[in-house]
Every structure is written in C-alpha cells, then in structure tokens.
Amino acid sequence: MKLLIVDDSSVMRRTIEKHLTNYNLEIVGMAKNGKDAINQFEMKRPDVVTLDITMPEMDGLTCLDKMMAINPEAKVMIITALSDKYTGLLALDKGARGFLYKPVNQTDLVTAFDKLLKRN
C-alpha cells in the first residue's frame, strides 16, 4: 500500500513516517500544503493519506474534498491540532476514515492505523 503524508510541519511528517515503519506502507510522497498534496495524490495514487487540516495554500478539508473526488476509496487519516469536534465530524462526513489530535504519540498512531487498515 502506498502512503502520502501531508502536514505543513516537517517535524510532524518525520514523526508520522517514523511511527509507521511497522506497516507494509511505501511512502510515495510528503507534502507541506494542500496544493502540493493534490498534485502528488493525482500522480502517485496513494491508498492511504495522513492529512493535516491547518495548512497554507489549501486547507485539509478542501484538500480532502478534492482527494475524495479523485479517489473515494482512499483511506484518509486526519491528524490535526484543531480540537473542535465539529471539524472532526465534518472531515469524517467528507470521507475521512479516521481522526487524531496532535500531538500524536506512537501508540495513538499505531492504534488508529490498525483500525484504518483493519489489522488486528
């Protein structure tokens, strides 16, 4: 399975990458904003995406809409510092398959990815 990591923080992108090494995921790209994410999503066709909400150029919810229009089967995990429930519900309503709040730790990420990829 191919993974695209989208976050405006390089530290967060590396953290996600580091914590997901136990999965059979090929990291096909990393994007620091929604615009870049859509370009990579169209070119590389990832199966799984981690997506931040608050980013420059294009926010995560707009990005999620565009990704779902391109491939509604993609499994998108929202990882955000925004802690309002409405944003999380909105993201799930738009097609995201999971939602995590920052700061994320390895346990939360692994648990969420086990659910996302239905690995028990």
PDB file of N, CA and C in Angstrom:
ATOM      1  N   MET A   1       0.836  -1.196   0.000  1.00  0.00           N
ATOM      2  CA  MET A   1       0.000   0.000   0.000  1.00  0.00           C
ATOM      3  C   MET A   1       0.872   1.249   0.000  1.00  0.00           C
ATOM      4  N   LYS A   2       0.394   2.249  -0.699  1.00  0.00           N
ATOM      5  CA  LYS A   2       1.160   3.494  -0.823  1.00  0.00           C
ATOM      6  C   LYS A   2       0.603   4.563   0.114  1.00  0.00           C
ATOM      7  N   LEU A   3       1.530   5.273   0.770  1.00  0.00           N
ATOM      8  CA  LEU A   3       1.164   6.296   1.752  1.00  0.00           C
ATOM      9  C   LEU A   3       1.670   7.665   1.329  1.00  0.00           C
ATOM     10  N   LEU A   4       0.801   8.672   1.462  1.00  0.00           N
ATOM     11  CA  LEU A   4       1.171  10.068   1.265  1.00  0.00           C
ATOM     12  C   LEU A   4       0.991  10.772   2.608  1.00  0.00           C
ATOM     13  N   ILE A   5       2.035  11.468   3.072  1.00  0.00           N
ATOM     14  CA  ILE A   5       1.995  12.181   4.348  1.00  0.00           C
ATOM     15  C   ILE A   5       1.875  13.680   4.054  1.00  0.00           C
ATOM     16  N   VAL A   6       0.811  14.300   4.569  1.00  0.00           N
ATOM     17  CA  VAL A   6       0.562  15.718   4.297  1.00  0.00           C
ATOM     18  C   VAL A   6       0.489  16.496   5.606  1.00  0.00           C
ATOM     19  N   ASP A   7       1.467  17.375   5.815  1.00  0.00           N
ATOM     20  CA  ASP A   7       1.495  18.217   7.014  1.00  0.00           C
ATOM     21  C   ASP A   7       2.441  19.370   6.743  1.00  0.00           C
ATOM     22  N   ASP A   8       2.088  20.574   7.192  1.00  0.00           N
ATOM     23  CA  ASP A   8       2.978  21.711   6.944  1.00  0.00           C
ATOM     24  C   ASP A   8       4.210  21.704   7.847  1.00  0.00           C
ATOM     25  N   SER A   9       4.229  20.834   8.848  1.00  0.00           N
ATOM     26  CA  SER A   9       5.383  20.725   9.741  1.00  0.00           C
ATOM     27  C   SER A   9       6.286  19.562   9.323  1.00  0.00           C
ATOM     28  N   SER A  10       7.550  19.858   9.020  1.00  0.00           N
ATOM     29  CA  SER A  10       8.481  18.796   8.634  1.00  0.00           C
ATOM     30  C   SER A  10       8.716  17.839   9.804  1.00  0.00           C
ATOM     31  N   VAL A  11       8.688  18.359  11.028  1.00  0.00           N
ATOM     32  CA  VAL A  11       8.861  17.519  12.223  1.00  0.00           C
ATOM     33  C   VAL A  11       7.713  16.509  12.301  1.00  0.00           C
ATOM     34  N   MET A  12       6.499  16.978  12.058  1.00  0.00           N
ATOM     35  CA  MET A  12       5.327  16.094  12.099  1.00  0.00           C
ATOM     36  C   MET A  12       5.391  15.046  10.981  1.00  0.00           C
ATOM     37  N   ARG A  13       5.803  15.460   9.792  1.00  0.00           N
ATOM     38  CA  ARG A  13       5.922  14.495   8.680  1.00  0.00           C
ATOM     39  C   ARG A  13       6.906  13.388   9.037  1.00  0.00           C
ATOM     40  N   ARG A  14       8.045  13.768   9.624  1.00  0.00           N
ATOM     41  CA  ARG A  14       9.055  12.767  10.013  1.00  0.00           C
ATOM     42  C   ARG A  14       8.547  11.883  11.154  1.00  0.00           C
ATOM     43  N   THR A  15       7.817  12.472  12.098  1.00  0.00           N
ATOM     44  CA  THR A  15       7.259  11.703  13.222  1.00  0.00           C
ATOM     45  C   THR A  15       6.302  10.633  12.705  1.00  0.00           C
ATOM     46  N   ILE A  16       5.407  11.026  11.810  1.00  0.00           N
ATOM     47  CA  ILE A  16       4.450  10.075  11.244  1.00  0.00           C
ATOM     48  C   ILE A  16       5.195   8.964  10.502  1.00  0.00           C
ATOM     49  N   GLU A  17       6.162   9.358   9.700  1.00  0.00           N
ATOM     50  CA  GLU A  17       6.956   8.386   8.944  1.00  0.00           C
ATOM     51  C   GLU A  17       7.632   7.385   9.883  1.00  0.00           C
ATOM     52  N   LYS A  18       8.239   7.892  10.945  1.00  0.00           N
ATOM     53  CA  LYS A  18       8.969   7.054  11.903  1.00  0.00           C
ATOM     54  C   LYS A  18       8.039   6.061  12.613  1.00  0.00           C
ATOM     55  N   HIS A  19       6.851   6.544  13.013  1.00  0.00           N
ATOM     56  CA  HIS A  19       5.935   5.697  13.773  1.00  0.00           C
ATOM     57  C   HIS A  19       5.222   4.646  12.926  1.00  0.00           C
ATOM     58  N   LEU A  20       5.251   4.798  11.606  1.00  0.00           N
ATOM     59  CA  LEU A  20       4.534   3.852  10.758  1.00  0.00           C
ATOM     60  C   LEU A  20       5.447   2.857  10.045  1.00  0.00           C
ATOM     61  N   THR A  21       6.663   2.703  10.542  1.00  0.00           N
ATOM     62  CA  THR A  21       7.612   1.793   9.881  1.00  0.00           C
ATOM     63  C   THR A  21       7.205   0.326   9.978  1.00  0.00           C
ATOM     64  N   ASN A  22       6.384  -0.046  10.954  1.00  0.00           N
ATOM     65  CA  ASN A  22       5.995  -1.450  11.108  1.00  0.00           C
ATOM     66  C   ASN A  22       4.889  -1.889  10.151  1.00  0.00           C
ATOM     67  N   TYR A  23       4.397  -0.950   9.370  1.00  0.00           N
ATOM     68  CA  TYR A  23       3.347  -1.285   8.412  1.00  0.00           C
ATOM     69  C   TYR A  23       3.969  -1.499   7.047  1.00  0.00           C
ATOM     70  N   ASN A  24       3.296  -2.287   6.250  1.00  0.00           N
ATOM     71  CA  ASN A  24       3.787  -2.531   4.904  1.00  0.00           C
ATOM     72  C   ASN A  24       3.330  -1.394   3.998  1.00  0.00           C
ATOM     73  N   LEU A  25       3.787  -0.178   4.332  1.00  0.00           N
ATOM     74  CA  LEU A  25       3.397   1.009   3.576  1.00  0.00           C
ATOM     75  C   LEU A  25       4.619   1.592   2.889  1.00  0.00           C
ATOM     76  N   GLU A  26       4.466   1.869   1.610  1.00  0.00           N
ATOM     77  CA  GLU A  26       5.528   2.526   0.864  1.00  0.00           C
ATOM     78  C   GLU A  26       5.196   4.018   0.858  1.00  0.00           C
ATOM     79  N   ILE A  27       6.073   4.827   1.445  1.00  0.00           N
ATOM     80  CA  ILE A  27       5.826   6.267   1.469  1.00  0.00           C
ATOM     81  C   ILE A  27       6.167   6.824   0.094  1.00  0.00           C
ATOM     82  N   VAL A  28       5.131   7.212  -0.645  1.00  0.00           N
ATOM     83  CA  VAL A  28       5.321   7.673  -2.027  1.00  0.00           C
ATOM     84  C   VAL A  28       5.484   9.181  -2.114  1.00  0.00           C
ATOM     85  N   GLY A  29       5.217   9.874  -1.000  1.00  0.00           N
ATOM     86  CA  GLY A  29       5.396  11.305  -1.029  1.00  0.00           C
ATOM     87  C   GLY A  29       5.096  11.961   0.292  1.00  0.00           C
ATOM     88  N   MET A  30       5.590  13.202   0.407  1.00  0.00           N
ATOM     89  CA  MET A  30       5.294  14.050   1.557  1.00  0.00           C
ATOM     90  C   MET A  30       4.975  15.427   1.007  1.00  0.00           C
ATOM     91  N   ALA A  31       3.924  16.040   1.531  1.00  0.00           N
ATOM     92  CA  ALA A  31       3.522  17.360   1.052  1.00  0.00           C
ATOM     93  C   ALA A  31       3.380  18.304   2.229  1.00  0.00           C
ATOM     94  N   LYS A  32       3.733  19.582   1.999  1.00  0.00           N
ATOM     95  CA  LYS A  32       3.654  20.552   3.089  1.00  0.00           C
ATOM     96  C   LYS A  32       2.448  21.482   2.973  1.00  0.00           C
ATOM     97  N   ASN A  33       1.640  21.294   1.926  1.00  0.00           N
ATOM     98  CA  ASN A  33       0.393  22.050   1.816  1.00  0.00           C
ATOM     99  C   ASN A  33      -0.597  21.287   0.941  1.00  0.00           C
ATOM    100  N   GLY A  34      -1.834  21.730   0.956  1.00  0.00           N
ATOM    101  CA  GLY A  34      -2.883  21.023   0.238  1.00  0.00           C
ATOM    102  C   GLY A  34      -2.703  20.994  -1.268  1.00  0.00           C
ATOM    103  N   LYS A  35      -2.174  22.084  -1.817  1.00  0.00           N
ATOM    104  CA  LYS A  35      -1.962  22.161  -3.264  1.00  0.00           C
ATOM    105  C   LYS A  35      -0.969  21.091  -3.715  1.00  0.00           C
ATOM    106  N   ASP A  36       0.148  21.025  -3.010  1.00  0.00           N
ATOM    107  CA  ASP A  36       1.180  20.034  -3.286  1.00  0.00           C
ATOM    108  C   ASP A  36       0.616  18.625  -3.085  1.00  0.00           C
ATOM    109  N   ALA A  37      -0.202  18.475  -2.052  1.00  0.00           N
ATOM    110  CA  ALA A  37      -0.805  17.170  -1.743  1.00  0.00           C
ATOM    111  C   ALA A  37      -1.669  16.671  -2.903  1.00  0.00           C
ATOM    112  N   ILE A  38      -2.484  17.559  -3.482  1.00  0.00           N
ATOM    113  CA  ILE A  38      -3.353  17.160  -4.591  1.00  0.00           C
ATOM    114  C   ILE A  38      -2.523  16.748  -5.808  1.00  0.00           C
ATOM    115  N   ASN A  39      -1.475  17.511  -6.102  1.00  0.00           N
ATOM    116  CA  ASN A  39      -0.596  17.139  -7.220  1.00  0.00           C
ATOM    117  C   ASN A  39      -0.007  15.746  -7.020  1.00  0.00           C
ATOM    118  N   GLN A  40       0.504  15.490  -5.815  1.00  0.00           N
ATOM    119  CA  GLN A  40       1.102  14.182  -5.530  1.00  0.00           C
ATOM    120  C   GLN A  40       0.044  13.082  -5.514  1.00  0.00           C
ATOM    121  N   PHE A  41      -1.143  13.410  -4.987  1.00  0.00           N
ATOM    122  CA  PHE A  41      -2.231  12.434  -4.920  1.00  0.00           C
ATOM    123  C   PHE A  41      -2.629  11.977  -6.325  1.00  0.00           C
ATOM    124  N   GLU A  42      -2.710  12.928  -7.254  1.00  0.00           N
ATOM    125  CA  GLU A  42      -3.079  12.596  -8.636  1.00  0.00           C
ATOM    126  C   GLU A  42      -1.989  11.774  -9.325  1.00  0.00           C
ATOM    127  N   MET A  43      -0.719  12.138  -9.093  1.00  0.00           N
ATOM    128  CA  MET A  43       0.385  11.456  -9.757  1.00  0.00           C
ATOM    129  C   MET A  43       0.688  10.085  -9.164  1.00  0.00           C
ATOM    130  N   LYS A  44       0.699  10.015  -7.837  1.00  0.00           N
ATOM    131  CA  LYS A  44       1.207   8.803  -7.182  1.00  0.00           C
ATOM    132  C   LYS A  44       0.122   7.836  -6.725  1.00  0.00           C
ATOM    133  N   ARG A  45      -1.125   8.288  -6.724  1.00  0.00           N
ATOM    134  CA  ARG A  45      -2.276   7.442  -6.365  1.00  0.00           C
ATOM    135  C   ARG A  45      -2.087   6.642  -5.073  1.00  0.00           C
ATOM    136  N   PRO A  46      -1.855   7.332  -3.952  1.00  0.00           N
ATOM    137  CA  PRO A  46      -1.677   6.600  -2.686  1.00  0.00           C
ATOM    138  C   PRO A  46      -2.989   5.934  -2.238  1.00  0.00           C
ATOM    139  N   ASP A  47      -2.846   4.837  -1.491  1.00  0.00           N
ATOM    140  CA  ASP A  47      -4.014   4.138  -0.933  1.00  0.00           C
ATOM    141  C   ASP A  47      -4.406   4.762   0.398  1.00  0.00           C
ATOM    142  N   VAL A  48      -3.380   5.307   1.086  1.00  0.00           N
ATOM    143  CA  VAL A  48      -3.549   5.843   2.427  1.00  0.00           C
ATOM    144  C   VAL A  48      -2.915   7.240   2.484  1.00  0.00           C
ATOM    145  N   VAL A  49      -3.600   8.160   3.192  1.00  0.00           N
ATOM    146  CA  VAL A  49      -3.097   9.524   3.322  1.00  0.00           C
ATOM    147  C   VAL A  49      -3.239   9.968   4.772  1.00  0.00           C
ATOM    148  N   THR A  50      -2.191  10.580   5.333  1.00  0.00           N
ATOM    149  CA  THR A  50      -2.362  11.297   6.600  1.00  0.00           C
ATOM    150  C   THR A  50      -2.459  12.761   6.205  1.00  0.00           C
ATOM    151  N   LEU A  51      -3.455  13.458   6.757  1.00  0.00           N
ATOM    152  CA  LEU A  51      -3.762  14.804   6.288  1.00  0.00           C
ATOM    153  C   LEU A  51      -3.979  15.769   7.443  1.00  0.00           C
ATOM    154  N   ASP A  52      -3.221  16.851   7.438  1.00  0.00           N
ATOM    155  CA  ASP A  52      -3.382  17.926   8.407  1.00  0.00           C
ATOM    156  C   ASP A  52      -4.538  18.812   7.940  1.00  0.00           C
ATOM    157  N   ILE A  53      -5.165  19.550   8.852  1.00  0.00           N
ATOM    158  CA  ILE A  53      -6.262  20.452   8.469  1.00  0.00           C
ATOM    159  C   ILE A  53      -5.743  21.865   8.207  1.00  0.00           C
ATOM    160  N   THR A  54      -4.953  22.387   9.136  1.00  0.00           N
ATOM    161  CA  THR A  54      -4.493  23.771   9.032  1.00  0.00           C
ATOM    162  C   THR A  54      -3.171  23.838   8.286  1.00  0.00           C
ATOM    163  N   MET A  55      -3.243  24.246   7.007  1.00  0.00           N
ATOM    164  CA  MET A  55      -2.043  24.334   6.172  1.00  0.00           C
ATOM    165  C   MET A  55      -2.147  25.551   5.259  1.00  0.00           C
ATOM    166  N   PRO A  56      -0.993  26.052   4.805  1.00  0.00           N
ATOM    167  CA  PRO A  56      -1.028  27.162   3.842  1.00  0.00           C
ATOM    168  C   PRO A  56      -1.482  26.669   2.460  1.00  0.00           C
ATOM    169  N   GLU A  57      -1.837  27.603   1.588  1.00  0.00           N
ATOM    170  CA  GLU A  57      -2.211  27.358   0.189  1.00  0.00           C
ATOM    171  C   GLU A  57      -3.573  26.695   0.018  1.00  0.00           C
ATOM    172  N   MET A  58      -3.806  25.577   0.714  1.00  0.00           N
ATOM    173  CA  MET A  58      -5.106  24.907   0.672  1.00  0.00           C
ATOM    174  C   MET A  58      -5.270  24.130   1.965  1.00  0.00           C
ATOM    175  N   ASP A  59      -6.380  24.356   2.665  1.00  0.00           N
ATOM    176  CA  ASP A  59      -6.564  23.670   3.949  1.00  0.00           C
ATOM    177  C   ASP A  59      -6.926  22.198   3.733  1.00  0.00           C
ATOM    178  N   GLY A  60      -6.856  21.437   4.807  1.00  0.00           N
ATOM    179  CA  GLY A  60      -7.070  19.995   4.740  1.00  0.00           C
ATOM    180  C   GLY A  60      -8.469  19.577   4.329  1.00  0.00           C
ATOM    181  N   LEU A  61      -9.490  20.333   4.731  1.00  0.00           N
ATOM    182  CA  LEU A  61     -10.857  19.944   4.368  1.00  0.00           C
ATOM    183  C   LEU A  61     -11.101  20.129   2.864  1.00  0.00           C
ATOM    184  N   THR A  62     -10.594  21.210   2.299  1.00  0.00           N
ATOM    185  CA  THR A  62     -10.704  21.430   0.851  1.00  0.00           C
ATOM    186  C   THR A  62      -9.920  20.343   0.116  1.00  0.00           C
ATOM    187  N   CYS A  63      -8.740  20.059   0.632  1.00  0.00           N
ATOM    188  CA  CYS A  63      -7.881  19.021   0.071  1.00  0.00           C
ATOM    189  C   CYS A  63      -8.585  17.662   0.114  1.00  0.00           C
ATOM    190  N   LEU A  64      -9.221  17.365   1.233  1.00  0.00           N
ATOM    191  CA  LEU A  64      -9.956  16.106   1.399  1.00  0.00           C
ATOM    192  C   LEU A  64     -11.071  15.988   0.360  1.00  0.00           C
ATOM    193  N   ASP A  65     -11.828  17.073   0.152  1.00  0.00           N
ATOM    194  CA  ASP A  65     -12.883  17.080  -0.876  1.00  0.00           C
ATOM    195  C   ASP A  65     -12.316  16.698  -2.238  1.00  0.00           C
ATOM    196  N   LYS A  66     -11.199  17.327  -2.597  1.00  0.00           N
ATOM    197  CA  LYS A  66     -10.583  17.074  -3.906  1.00  0.00           C
ATOM    198  C   LYS A  66     -10.070  15.634  -4.004  1.00  0.00           C
ATOM    199  N   MET A  67      -9.467  15.136  -2.917  1.00  0.00           N
ATOM    200  CA  MET A  67      -8.972  13.751  -2.920  1.00  0.00           C
ATOM    201  C   MET A  67     -10.119  12.758  -3.098  1.00  0.00           C
ATOM    202  N   MET A  68     -11.220  12.992  -2.395  1.00  0.00           N
ATOM    203  CA  MET A  68     -12.369  12.088  -2.479  1.00  0.00           C
ATOM    204  C   MET A  68     -12.982  12.118  -3.884  1.00  0.00           C
ATOM    205  N   ALA A  69     -12.927  13.281  -4.541  1.00  0.00           N
ATOM    206  CA  ALA A  69     -13.433  13.392  -5.918  1.00  0.00           C
ATOM    207  C   ALA A  69     -12.552  12.583  -6.875  1.00  0.00           C
ATOM    208  N   ILE A  70     -11.246  12.531  -6.581  1.00  0.00           N
ATOM    209  CA  ILE A  70     -10.299  11.792  -7.429  1.00  0.00           C
ATOM    210  C   ILE A  70     -10.380  10.294  -7.134  1.00  0.00           C
ATOM    211  N   ASN A  71     -10.369   9.937  -5.855  1.00  0.00           N
ATOM    212  CA  ASN A  71     -10.414   8.522  -5.467  1.00  0.00           C
ATOM    213  C   ASN A  71     -11.144   8.351  -4.140  1.00  0.00           C
ATOM    214  N   PRO A  72     -12.465   8.076  -4.203  1.00  0.00           N
ATOM    215  CA  PRO A  72     -13.251   7.913  -2.975  1.00  0.00           C
ATOM    216  C   PRO A  72     -12.850   6.699  -2.137  1.00  0.00           C
ATOM    217  N   GLU A  73     -12.038   5.803  -2.693  1.00  0.00           N
ATOM    218  CA  GLU A  73     -11.592   4.614  -1.958  1.00  0.00           C
ATOM    219  C   GLU A  73     -10.364   4.886  -1.079  1.00  0.00           C
ATOM    220  N   ALA A  74      -9.715   6.018  -1.273  1.00  0.00           N
ATOM    221  CA  ALA A  74      -8.508   6.329  -0.500  1.00  0.00           C
ATOM    222  C   ALA A  74      -8.858   6.404   0.985  1.00  0.00           C
ATOM    223  N   LYS A  75      -7.963   5.870   1.796  1.00  0.00           N
ATOM    224  CA  LYS A  75      -8.169   5.889   3.254  1.00  0.00           C
ATOM    225  C   LYS A  75      -7.416   7.084   3.817  1.00  0.00           C
ATOM    226  N   VAL A  76      -8.166   8.099   4.234  1.00  0.00           N
ATOM    227  CA  VAL A  76      -7.555   9.328   4.725  1.00  0.00           C
ATOM    228  C   VAL A  76      -7.682   9.422   6.241  1.00  0.00           C
ATOM    229  N   MET A  77      -6.549   9.610   6.899  1.00  0.00           N
ATOM    230  CA  MET A  77      -6.496   9.799   8.341  1.00  0.00           C
ATOM    231  C   MET A  77      -6.158  11.261   8.605  1.00  0.00           C
ATOM    232  N   ILE A  78      -7.083  11.979   9.236  1.00  0.00           N
ATOM    233  CA  ILE A  78      -6.849  13.373   9.587  1.00  0.00           C
ATOM    234  C   ILE A  78      -6.012  13.413  10.865  1.00  0.00           C
ATOM    235  N   ILE A  79      -4.939  14.193  10.839  1.00  0.00           N
ATOM    236  CA  ILE A  79      -4.117  14.397  12.039  1.00  0.00           C
ATOM    237  C   ILE A  79      -3.966  15.903  12.196  1.00  0.00           C
ATOM    238  N   THR A  80      -4.592  16.455  13.250  1.00  0.00           N
ATOM    239  CA  THR A  80      -4.660  17.905  13.366  1.00  0.00           C
ATOM    240  C   THR A  80      -4.527  18.404  14.795  1.00  0.00           C
ATOM    241  N   ALA A  81      -4.107  19.640  14.914  1.00  0.00           N
ATOM    242  CA  ALA A  81      -4.040  20.295  16.221  1.00  0.00           C
ATOM    243  C   ALA A  81      -5.389  20.918  16.577  1.00  0.00           C
ATOM    244  N   LEU A  82      -6.270  21.059  15.600  1.00  0.00           N
ATOM    245  CA  LEU A  82      -7.607  21.601  15.871  1.00  0.00           C
ATOM    246  C   LEU A  82      -8.361  20.590  16.726  1.00  0.00           C
ATOM    247  N   SER A  83      -8.865  21.026  17.852  1.00  0.00           N
ATOM    248  CA  SER A  83      -9.505  20.036  18.719  1.00  0.00           C
ATOM    249  C   SER A  83     -11.028  20.188  18.781  1.00  0.00           C
ATOM    250  N   ASP A  84     -11.595  21.003  17.872  1.00  0.00           N
ATOM    251  CA  ASP A  84     -13.048  21.104  17.942  1.00  0.00           C
ATOM    252  C   ASP A  84     -13.698  19.906  17.258  1.00  0.00           C
ATOM    253  N   LYS A  85     -14.720  19.383  17.909  1.00  0.00           N
ATOM    254  CA  LYS A  85     -15.404  18.174  17.440  1.00  0.00           C
ATOM    255  C   LYS A  85     -16.033  18.388  16.063  1.00  0.00           C
ATOM    256  N   TYR A  86     -16.528  19.593  15.801  1.00  0.00           N
ATOM    257  CA  TYR A  86     -17.194  19.872  14.537  1.00  0.00           C
ATOM    258  C   TYR A  86     -16.287  19.584  13.338  1.00  0.00           C
ATOM    259  N   THR A  87     -15.036  20.033  13.421  1.00  0.00           N
ATOM    260  CA  THR A  87     -14.094  19.819  12.320  1.00  0.00           C
ATOM    261  C   THR A  87     -13.872  18.330  12.088  1.00  0.00           C
ATOM    262  N   GLY A  88     -13.735  17.580  13.170  1.00  0.00           N
ATOM    263  CA  GLY A  88     -13.550  16.133  13.066  1.00  0.00           C
ATOM    264  C   GLY A  88     -14.741  15.460  12.412  1.00  0.00           C
ATOM    265  N   LEU A  89     -15.932  15.839  12.842  1.00  0.00           N
ATOM    266  CA  LEU A  89     -17.151  15.255  12.271  1.00  0.00           C
ATOM    267  C   LEU A  89     -17.301  15.640  10.800  1.00  0.00           C
ATOM    268  N   LEU A  90     -16.970  16.881  10.500  1.00  0.00           N
ATOM    269  CA  LEU A  90     -17.035  17.361   9.121  1.00  0.00           C
ATOM    270  C   LEU A  90     -16.076  16.558   8.227  1.00  0.00           C
ATOM    271  N   ALA A  91     -14.865  16.341   8.721  1.00  0.00           N
ATOM    272  CA  ALA A  91     -13.868  15.572   7.961  1.00  0.00           C
ATOM    273  C   ALA A  91     -14.365  14.145   7.726  1.00  0.00           C
ATOM    274  N   LEU A  92     -14.945  13.527   8.751  1.00  0.00           N
ATOM    275  CA  LEU A  92     -15.471  12.162   8.610  1.00  0.00           C
ATOM    276  C   LEU A  92     -16.630  12.158   7.617  1.00  0.00           C
ATOM    277  N   ASP A  93     -17.473  13.183   7.683  1.00  0.00           N
ATOM    278  CA  ASP A  93     -18.598  13.319   6.770  1.00  0.00           C
ATOM    279  C   ASP A  93     -18.121  13.464   5.323  1.00  0.00           C
ATOM    280  N   LYS A  94     -16.976  14.104   5.140  1.00  0.00           N
ATOM    281  CA  LYS A  94     -16.430  14.335   3.801  1.00  0.00           C
ATOM    282  C   LYS A  94     -15.667  13.121   3.259  1.00  0.00           C
ATOM    283  N   GLY A  95     -15.494  12.094   4.074  1.00  0.00           N
ATOM    284  CA  GLY A  95     -14.856  10.881   3.566  1.00  0.00           C
ATOM    285  C   GLY A  95     -13.621  10.404   4.302  1.00  0.00           C
ATOM    286  N   ALA A  96     -13.156  11.165   5.295  1.00  0.00           N
ATOM    287  CA  ALA A  96     -12.002  10.696   6.070  1.00  0.00           C
ATOM    288  C   ALA A  96     -12.403   9.430   6.825  1.00  0.00           C
ATOM    289  N   ARG A  97     -11.429   8.546   7.044  1.00  0.00           N
ATOM    290  CA  ARG A  97     -11.721   7.276   7.725  1.00  0.00           C
ATOM    291  C   ARG A  97     -11.288   7.275   9.179  1.00  0.00           C
ATOM    292  N   GLY A  98     -10.577   8.335   9.577  1.00  0.00           N
ATOM    293  CA  GLY A  98     -10.113   8.395  10.958  1.00  0.00           C
ATOM    294  C   GLY A  98      -9.664   9.798  11.293  1.00  0.00           C
ATOM    295  N   PHE A  99      -9.479  10.025  12.610  1.00  0.00           N
ATOM    296  CA  PHE A  99      -9.189  11.371  13.087  1.00  0.00           C
ATOM    297  C   PHE A  99      -8.316  11.276  14.327  1.00  0.00           C
ATOM    298  N   LEU A 100      -7.196  11.982  14.335  1.00  0.00           N
ATOM    299  CA  LEU A 100      -6.306  12.021  15.502  1.00  0.00           C
ATOM    300  C   LEU A 100      -5.962  13.467  15.822  1.00  0.00           C
ATOM    301  N   TYR A 101      -5.833  13.746  17.119  1.00  0.00           N
ATOM    302  CA  TYR A 101      -5.412  15.079  17.541  1.00  0.00           C
ATOM    303  C   TYR A 101      -3.920  15.096  17.807  1.00  0.00           C
ATOM    304  N   LYS A 102      -3.277  16.222  17.464  1.00  0.00           N
ATOM    305  CA  LYS A 102      -1.869  16.426  17.802  1.00  0.00           C
ATOM    306  C   LYS A 102      -1.794  16.919  19.238  1.00  0.00           C
ATOM    307  N   PRO A 103      -0.722  16.682  19.952  1.00  0.00           N
ATOM    308  CA  PRO A 103       0.422  15.908  19.468  1.00  0.00           C
ATOM    309  C   PRO A 103       0.088  14.420  19.442  1.00  0.00           C
ATOM    310  N   VAL A 104       0.530  13.714  18.427  1.00  0.00           N
ATOM    311  CA  VAL A 104       0.278  12.276  18.360  1.00  0.00           C
ATOM    312  C   VAL A 104       1.487  11.538  18.906  1.00  0.00           C
ATOM    313  N   ASN A 105       1.194  10.435  19.567  1.00  0.00           N
ATOM    314  CA  ASN A 105       2.295   9.576  20.003  1.00  0.00           C
ATOM    315  C   ASN A 105       2.203   8.273  19.220  1.00  0.00           C
ATOM    316  N   GLN A 106       3.213   7.458  19.353  1.00  0.00           N
ATOM    317  CA  GLN A 106       3.272   6.223  18.571  1.00  0.00           C
ATOM    318  C   GLN A 106       2.083   5.305  18.861  1.00  0.00           C
ATOM    319  N   THR A 107       1.690   5.192  20.120  1.00  0.00           N
ATOM    320  CA  THR A 107       0.575   4.315  20.493  1.00  0.00           C
ATOM    321  C   THR A 107      -0.720   4.734  19.802  1.00  0.00           C
ATOM    322  N   ASP A 108      -1.029   6.049  19.858  1.00  0.00           N
ATOM    323  CA  ASP A 108      -2.252   6.543  19.218  1.00  0.00           C
ATOM    324  C   ASP A 108      -2.222   6.299  17.713  1.00  0.00           C
ATOM    325  N   LEU A 109      -1.074   6.575  17.114  1.00  0.00           N
ATOM    326  CA  LEU A 109      -0.939   6.431  15.674  1.00  0.00           C
ATOM    327  C   LEU A 109      -1.089   4.972  15.256  1.00  0.00           C
ATOM    328  N   VAL A 110      -0.430   4.072  15.975  1.00  0.00           N
ATOM    329  CA  VAL A 110      -0.497   2.639  15.664  1.00  0.00           C
ATOM    330  C   VAL A 110      -1.927   2.118  15.853  1.00  0.00           C
ATOM    331  N   THR A 111      -2.578   2.515  16.937  1.00  0.00           N
ATOM    332  CA  THR A 111      -3.961   2.095  17.184  1.00  0.00           C
ATOM    333  C   THR A 111      -4.875   2.578  16.065  1.00  0.00           C
ATOM    334  N   ALA A 112      -4.717   3.836  15.698  1.00  0.00           N
ATOM    335  CA  ALA A 112      -5.547   4.412  14.627  1.00  0.00           C
ATOM    336  C   ALA A 112      -5.281   3.721  13.298  1.00  0.00           C
ATOM    337  N   PHE A 113      -4.024   3.420  13.011  1.00  0.00           N
ATOM    338  CA  PHE A 113      -3.698   2.756  11.749  1.00  0.00           C
ATOM    339  C   PHE A 113      -4.129   1.301  11.737  1.00  0.00           C
ATOM    340  N   ASP A 114      -4.109   0.636  12.893  1.00  0.00           N
ATOM    341  CA  ASP A 114      -4.637  -0.732  12.962  1.00  0.00           C
ATOM    342  C   ASP A 114      -6.115  -0.721  12.557  1.00  0.00           C
ATOM    343  N   LYS A 115      -6.844   0.259  13.074  1.00  0.00           N
ATOM    344  CA  LYS A 115      -8.263   0.406  12.735  1.00  0.00           C
ATOM    345  C   LYS A 115      -8.441   0.771  11.262  1.00  0.00           C
ATOM    346  N   LEU A 116      -7.653   1.754  10.802  1.00  0.00           N
ATOM    347  CA  LEU A 116      -7.748   2.248   9.437  1.00  0.00           C
ATOM    348  C   LEU A 116      -7.492   1.129   8.426  1.00  0.00           C
ATOM    349  N   LEU A 117      -6.493   0.320   8.707  1.00  0.00           N
ATOM    350  CA  LEU A 117      -6.107  -0.750   7.782  1.00  0.00           C
ATOM    351  C   LEU A 117      -6.721  -2.092   8.166  1.00  0.00           C
ATOM    352  N   LYS A 118      -7.572  -2.055   9.196  1.00  0.00           N
ATOM    353  CA  LYS A 118      -8.264  -3.245   9.701  1.00  0.00           C
ATOM    354  C   LYS A 118      -7.303  -4.401   9.991  1.00  0.00           C
ATOM    355  N   ARG A 119      -6.244  -4.047  10.733  1.00  0.00           N
ATOM    356  CA  ARG A 119      -5.225  -5.018  11.121  1.00  0.00           C
ATOM    357  C   ARG A 119      -5.399  -5.270  12.606  1.00  0.00           C
ATOM    358  N   ASN A 120      -5.593  -6.517  12.993  1.00  0.00           N
ATOM    359  CA  ASN A 120      -5.799  -6.793  14.439  1.00  0.00           C
ATOM    360  C   ASN A 120      -4.593  -7.547  14.996  1.00  0.00           C
TER     361      ASN A 120
END
